[in-house]
Every structure is written in structure tokens, then in C-alpha cells.
Amino acid sequence: MEWAGKGISLPGFGPGYRRVRFLADNIPSVGYKLFALKTTPPKPGLLRVEAGKGASIELEIWSLSSSAFGKFVNAIPAPMAIGTIRLADGRSVKGFLVEPEVLGEARDITAYGGWRKFMAEVATA
């Protein structure tokens, strides 16, 4: 199955999940807002919003087996959630979304267009 990631499980951004295969990066989604969550370590939170209120957020697409997906999902802590993410090319893939209740403490980073761009700016600040 295909999985959309935003930067945490990518090379150079932590150890990731070892039973995945990288497929592509810089794949745009449509109709989302991206937040920097106040978690340790920092995590990106993707939230689907109503038409016309969101932006295109760059994602990375990974492949993993259904059995590996089950093990992976079992370890996901709140406020992260699994949902269906719509890509700009019309495909739908599973990926991380965020529970809206934590967004009051989060920073809206939608204008960066992706987690990597935000983290690059943070690293130089």
C-alpha cells in the first residue's frame, strides 16, 4: 500500500520505519493546512479543510505491506491519526492527519508548503 509522509520518517529526519520503500517526494496534496505540533520531537500535523481554505502541501510517498502497516499503526501516538489524503493528481493514499483539538497550541506553517521547508528555515534561525 502507498503511504504519504511529511518529513519525520524521511532520510535525514529520524530513523523512520524500517519496512518501507521510498517511492517519490515533492508530491502535492490539495486542500490542507499544515501545523508544527508542540510535541517532542516536533511533528507535522496535516488537517483537511473545506474547499478554498487550504493549500497544496508537499508530501513523500512510501510503500509498505499491509502487515507492516498494521504494526506501524499500532504504535502511533495521539494526536496523530490515520486517514485518507487526496493528492493533486487525483490519487488517494493513507497518511498521517492530526486531531484538531491540539491545533490551538500548534503553529500554522501552511505557507511553507511542506515540513522540509519549514525545518530548513528553523535550522537556520
Foldseek 3Di string as FASTA:
>chain_A
DKEKAFQCQDVVNDVHDDQKAWDFWQFWFPQWWWWFFPDVVIDIAIDHDDPPPAGIAIITMMDGDPVSVVVVQVPDDPQWDWDWTGTPVGDIDIYIHGDVVRCVVIGTPRVLRGDVSVVVVVVVD
